[in-house]
N, C-alpha and C. Protein backbone atom coordinates (compact mmCIF):
# COMPACT_ATOMS: atom_id res chain seq x y z
N MET A 1 -27.31 3.92 5.11
CA MET A 1 -26.43 3.10 5.91
C MET A 1 -26.16 3.85 7.22
N LYS A 2 -26.23 3.12 8.31
CA LYS A 2 -25.92 3.72 9.59
C LYS A 2 -24.42 3.91 9.72
N THR A 3 -24.05 4.88 10.49
CA THR A 3 -22.63 5.10 10.76
C THR A 3 -22.29 4.56 12.14
N ALA A 4 -21.03 4.35 12.35
CA ALA A 4 -20.54 3.88 13.64
C ALA A 4 -19.48 4.86 14.12
N THR A 5 -19.22 4.83 15.39
CA THR A 5 -18.19 5.70 15.94
C THR A 5 -16.98 4.87 16.33
N LEU A 6 -15.86 5.52 16.36
CA LEU A 6 -14.62 4.90 16.82
C LEU A 6 -14.29 5.48 18.19
N PRO A 7 -13.44 4.78 18.93
CA PRO A 7 -13.04 5.34 20.22
C PRO A 7 -12.36 6.69 20.06
N SER A 8 -12.51 7.54 21.08
CA SER A 8 -11.81 8.82 21.03
C SER A 8 -10.32 8.57 21.01
N LEU A 9 -9.64 9.51 20.45
CA LEU A 9 -8.19 9.38 20.31
C LEU A 9 -7.53 10.49 21.11
N ARG A 10 -6.79 10.12 22.12
CA ARG A 10 -6.06 11.10 22.92
C ARG A 10 -4.65 11.22 22.37
N VAL A 11 -4.25 12.46 22.11
CA VAL A 11 -2.91 12.72 21.58
C VAL A 11 -2.30 13.91 22.30
N ASP A 12 -1.01 14.05 22.17
CA ASP A 12 -0.33 15.22 22.72
C ASP A 12 -0.82 16.47 22.00
N PRO A 13 -0.88 17.57 22.69
CA PRO A 13 -1.29 18.82 22.05
C PRO A 13 -0.42 19.16 20.84
N GLU A 14 0.86 18.80 20.89
CA GLU A 14 1.75 19.08 19.76
C GLU A 14 1.31 18.33 18.50
N LEU A 15 0.92 17.06 18.67
CA LEU A 15 0.47 16.28 17.51
C LEU A 15 -0.83 16.86 16.95
N ARG A 16 -1.73 17.25 17.82
CA ARG A 16 -2.97 17.86 17.34
C ARG A 16 -2.67 19.13 16.55
N ALA A 17 -1.77 19.95 17.08
CA ALA A 17 -1.41 21.20 16.39
C ALA A 17 -0.77 20.89 15.04
N GLU A 18 0.09 19.89 14.99
CA GLU A 18 0.70 19.51 13.70
C GLU A 18 -0.35 19.04 12.71
N ALA A 19 -1.29 18.23 13.19
CA ALA A 19 -2.36 17.75 12.31
C ALA A 19 -3.20 18.91 11.80
N GLU A 20 -3.54 19.82 12.67
CA GLU A 20 -4.34 20.98 12.25
C GLU A 20 -3.58 21.85 11.26
N SER A 21 -2.26 21.89 11.38
CA SER A 21 -1.47 22.74 10.50
C SER A 21 -1.41 22.22 9.06
N VAL A 22 -1.74 20.97 8.85
CA VAL A 22 -1.65 20.41 7.50
C VAL A 22 -3.02 20.16 6.88
N LEU A 23 -4.08 20.59 7.55
CA LEU A 23 -5.41 20.40 6.99
C LEU A 23 -5.57 21.19 5.70
N LYS A 24 -6.23 20.57 4.74
CA LYS A 24 -6.55 21.26 3.49
C LYS A 24 -7.78 22.12 3.71
N GLU A 25 -8.02 23.02 2.79
CA GLU A 25 -9.17 23.90 2.91
C GLU A 25 -10.45 23.08 2.97
N GLY A 26 -11.26 23.34 3.99
CA GLY A 26 -12.52 22.63 4.16
C GLY A 26 -12.39 21.26 4.83
N GLU A 27 -11.18 20.84 5.11
CA GLU A 27 -10.96 19.54 5.74
C GLU A 27 -11.03 19.69 7.27
N THR A 28 -11.56 18.67 7.90
CA THR A 28 -11.62 18.66 9.37
C THR A 28 -10.67 17.61 9.92
N LEU A 29 -10.39 17.72 11.19
CA LEU A 29 -9.57 16.70 11.83
C LEU A 29 -10.23 15.33 11.69
N SER A 30 -11.54 15.29 11.83
CA SER A 30 -12.26 14.02 11.71
C SER A 30 -12.09 13.42 10.32
N SER A 31 -12.19 14.25 9.28
CA SER A 31 -12.04 13.71 7.92
C SER A 31 -10.60 13.28 7.66
N LEU A 32 -9.64 14.01 8.23
CA LEU A 32 -8.23 13.61 8.10
C LEU A 32 -8.01 12.26 8.77
N MET A 33 -8.57 12.10 9.96
CA MET A 33 -8.41 10.84 10.69
C MET A 33 -9.10 9.69 9.96
N GLU A 34 -10.28 9.94 9.42
CA GLU A 34 -10.99 8.89 8.68
C GLU A 34 -10.20 8.49 7.44
N ASP A 35 -9.69 9.47 6.71
CA ASP A 35 -8.89 9.17 5.52
C ASP A 35 -7.64 8.37 5.90
N SER A 36 -6.98 8.77 6.98
CA SER A 36 -5.79 8.07 7.43
C SER A 36 -6.11 6.63 7.81
N LEU A 37 -7.22 6.44 8.49
CA LEU A 37 -7.63 5.09 8.89
C LEU A 37 -7.93 4.24 7.66
N ARG A 38 -8.68 4.81 6.70
CA ARG A 38 -8.98 4.06 5.47
C ARG A 38 -7.70 3.65 4.74
N ARG A 39 -6.76 4.57 4.64
CA ARG A 39 -5.50 4.27 3.95
C ARG A 39 -4.71 3.18 4.67
N GLN A 40 -4.69 3.23 5.99
CA GLN A 40 -3.95 2.24 6.77
C GLN A 40 -4.59 0.86 6.66
N VAL A 41 -5.92 0.82 6.68
CA VAL A 41 -6.63 -0.45 6.50
C VAL A 41 -6.32 -1.03 5.12
N HIS A 42 -6.38 -0.19 4.09
CA HIS A 42 -6.08 -0.64 2.73
C HIS A 42 -4.64 -1.15 2.64
N TYR A 43 -3.71 -0.40 3.23
CA TYR A 43 -2.30 -0.79 3.20
C TYR A 43 -2.10 -2.15 3.86
N ARG A 44 -2.71 -2.34 5.01
CA ARG A 44 -2.52 -3.59 5.73
C ARG A 44 -3.14 -4.77 5.00
N LYS A 45 -4.30 -4.55 4.37
CA LYS A 45 -4.90 -5.63 3.58
C LYS A 45 -4.01 -5.98 2.39
N THR A 46 -3.52 -4.95 1.72
CA THR A 46 -2.65 -5.16 0.57
C THR A 46 -1.38 -5.87 0.99
N GLN A 47 -0.82 -5.48 2.12
CA GLN A 47 0.39 -6.11 2.63
C GLN A 47 0.14 -7.58 2.96
N ALA A 48 -0.99 -7.89 3.59
CA ALA A 48 -1.32 -9.27 3.94
C ALA A 48 -1.50 -10.12 2.67
N GLU A 49 -2.15 -9.54 1.65
CA GLU A 49 -2.33 -10.26 0.38
C GLU A 49 -0.99 -10.51 -0.30
N PHE A 50 -0.09 -9.53 -0.25
CA PHE A 50 1.24 -9.67 -0.84
C PHE A 50 2.00 -10.80 -0.15
N ILE A 51 1.95 -10.83 1.17
CA ILE A 51 2.65 -11.87 1.92
C ILE A 51 2.04 -13.24 1.60
N ALA A 52 0.71 -13.31 1.52
CA ALA A 52 0.05 -14.58 1.20
C ALA A 52 0.48 -15.07 -0.18
N ARG A 53 0.56 -14.16 -1.16
CA ARG A 53 1.01 -14.56 -2.51
C ARG A 53 2.45 -15.05 -2.47
N GLY A 54 3.29 -14.38 -1.69
CA GLY A 54 4.69 -14.78 -1.58
C GLY A 54 4.82 -16.16 -0.95
N LEU A 55 4.06 -16.41 0.09
CA LEU A 55 4.11 -17.72 0.75
C LEU A 55 3.58 -18.82 -0.18
N ALA A 56 2.52 -18.50 -0.91
CA ALA A 56 1.97 -19.48 -1.87
C ALA A 56 3.00 -19.77 -2.97
N SER A 57 3.69 -18.73 -3.42
CA SER A 57 4.72 -18.91 -4.44
C SER A 57 5.86 -19.77 -3.90
N ARG A 58 6.26 -19.50 -2.67
CA ARG A 58 7.31 -20.30 -2.04
C ARG A 58 6.89 -21.76 -1.95
N ASP A 59 5.65 -22.00 -1.54
CA ASP A 59 5.16 -23.37 -1.42
C ASP A 59 5.11 -24.06 -2.78
N GLU A 60 4.70 -23.31 -3.80
CA GLU A 60 4.65 -23.88 -5.16
C GLU A 60 6.06 -24.21 -5.65
N ALA A 61 7.02 -23.34 -5.36
CA ALA A 61 8.40 -23.61 -5.77
C ALA A 61 8.93 -24.85 -5.05
N LYS A 62 8.61 -24.98 -3.78
CA LYS A 62 9.04 -26.18 -3.05
C LYS A 62 8.41 -27.43 -3.65
N ARG A 63 7.13 -27.31 -4.01
CA ARG A 63 6.41 -28.46 -4.56
C ARG A 63 6.98 -28.89 -5.90
N THR A 64 7.26 -27.91 -6.76
CA THR A 64 7.70 -28.22 -8.12
C THR A 64 9.22 -28.29 -8.26
N GLY A 65 9.92 -27.69 -7.31
CA GLY A 65 11.38 -27.62 -7.42
C GLY A 65 11.84 -26.60 -8.45
N GLU A 66 10.93 -25.75 -8.92
CA GLU A 66 11.26 -24.74 -9.94
C GLU A 66 11.48 -23.40 -9.26
N TYR A 67 12.71 -22.93 -9.32
CA TYR A 67 13.10 -21.67 -8.69
C TYR A 67 13.69 -20.74 -9.75
N TYR A 68 13.63 -19.44 -9.51
CA TYR A 68 14.21 -18.45 -10.41
C TYR A 68 15.19 -17.60 -9.63
N SER A 69 16.31 -17.30 -10.23
CA SER A 69 17.31 -16.46 -9.57
C SER A 69 16.84 -15.00 -9.56
N ALA A 70 17.39 -14.25 -8.63
CA ALA A 70 17.06 -12.83 -8.57
C ALA A 70 17.47 -12.13 -9.86
N GLU A 71 18.60 -12.52 -10.41
CA GLU A 71 19.08 -11.91 -11.65
C GLU A 71 18.08 -12.14 -12.79
N PHE A 72 17.53 -13.36 -12.87
CA PHE A 72 16.56 -13.67 -13.91
C PHE A 72 15.30 -12.81 -13.74
N VAL A 73 14.80 -12.75 -12.51
CA VAL A 73 13.58 -11.98 -12.25
C VAL A 73 13.80 -10.51 -12.54
N LEU A 74 14.93 -9.96 -12.11
CA LEU A 74 15.22 -8.55 -12.37
C LEU A 74 15.34 -8.27 -13.87
N ALA A 75 15.94 -9.19 -14.61
CA ALA A 75 16.05 -9.02 -16.06
C ALA A 75 14.67 -9.02 -16.71
N GLU A 76 13.80 -9.92 -16.25
CA GLU A 76 12.43 -9.96 -16.78
C GLU A 76 11.69 -8.65 -16.47
N LEU A 77 11.83 -8.16 -15.25
CA LEU A 77 11.17 -6.91 -14.88
C LEU A 77 11.70 -5.73 -15.68
N LYS A 78 13.02 -5.72 -15.90
CA LYS A 78 13.62 -4.65 -16.70
C LYS A 78 13.08 -4.69 -18.12
N GLU A 79 12.95 -5.88 -18.67
CA GLU A 79 12.41 -6.02 -20.02
C GLU A 79 10.97 -5.52 -20.08
N MET A 80 10.17 -5.85 -19.08
CA MET A 80 8.79 -5.37 -19.03
C MET A 80 8.75 -3.84 -18.93
N LEU A 81 9.61 -3.28 -18.11
CA LEU A 81 9.66 -1.83 -17.96
C LEU A 81 10.08 -1.16 -19.27
N ASP A 82 11.11 -1.70 -19.90
CA ASP A 82 11.58 -1.14 -21.17
C ASP A 82 10.48 -1.17 -22.22
N GLU A 83 9.73 -2.27 -22.28
CA GLU A 83 8.63 -2.37 -23.25
C GLU A 83 7.55 -1.33 -22.95
N ALA A 84 7.23 -1.15 -21.68
CA ALA A 84 6.21 -0.16 -21.31
C ALA A 84 6.67 1.25 -21.64
N LEU A 85 7.94 1.55 -21.38
CA LEU A 85 8.48 2.87 -21.69
C LEU A 85 8.50 3.12 -23.19
N ASP A 86 8.86 2.09 -23.97
CA ASP A 86 8.86 2.21 -25.43
C ASP A 86 7.45 2.46 -25.94
N LYS A 87 6.48 1.78 -25.35
CA LYS A 87 5.08 1.93 -25.75
C LYS A 87 4.60 3.35 -25.46
N ASP A 88 4.94 3.86 -24.27
CA ASP A 88 4.55 5.22 -23.91
C ASP A 88 5.21 6.25 -24.83
N ALA A 89 6.46 6.02 -25.19
CA ALA A 89 7.18 6.95 -26.05
C ALA A 89 6.57 6.98 -27.45
N ALA A 90 6.02 5.85 -27.88
CA ALA A 90 5.43 5.75 -29.22
C ALA A 90 4.07 6.44 -29.29
N GLU A 91 3.43 6.61 -28.15
CA GLU A 91 2.08 7.22 -28.15
C GLU A 91 2.10 8.70 -28.22
């Protein structure tokens, strides 16, 4: 697979020094930047999907007239968490 380049990134010398100070052994600034970019792309895709699911849920609730209170949802989530914790404790 061919690789592509990204535009150069101009930053303050202080930011470059900070970035260099947190590099792991064998890591380069380029690999840090690539990892950061991959994580940000993943985050933004995940965020967009989350918002799309929320909007679809809102539309479905409007269509059906079926809504759930925050208290109900939190109680359901707590029950799911308690069951998962009990399962882990049993293992």
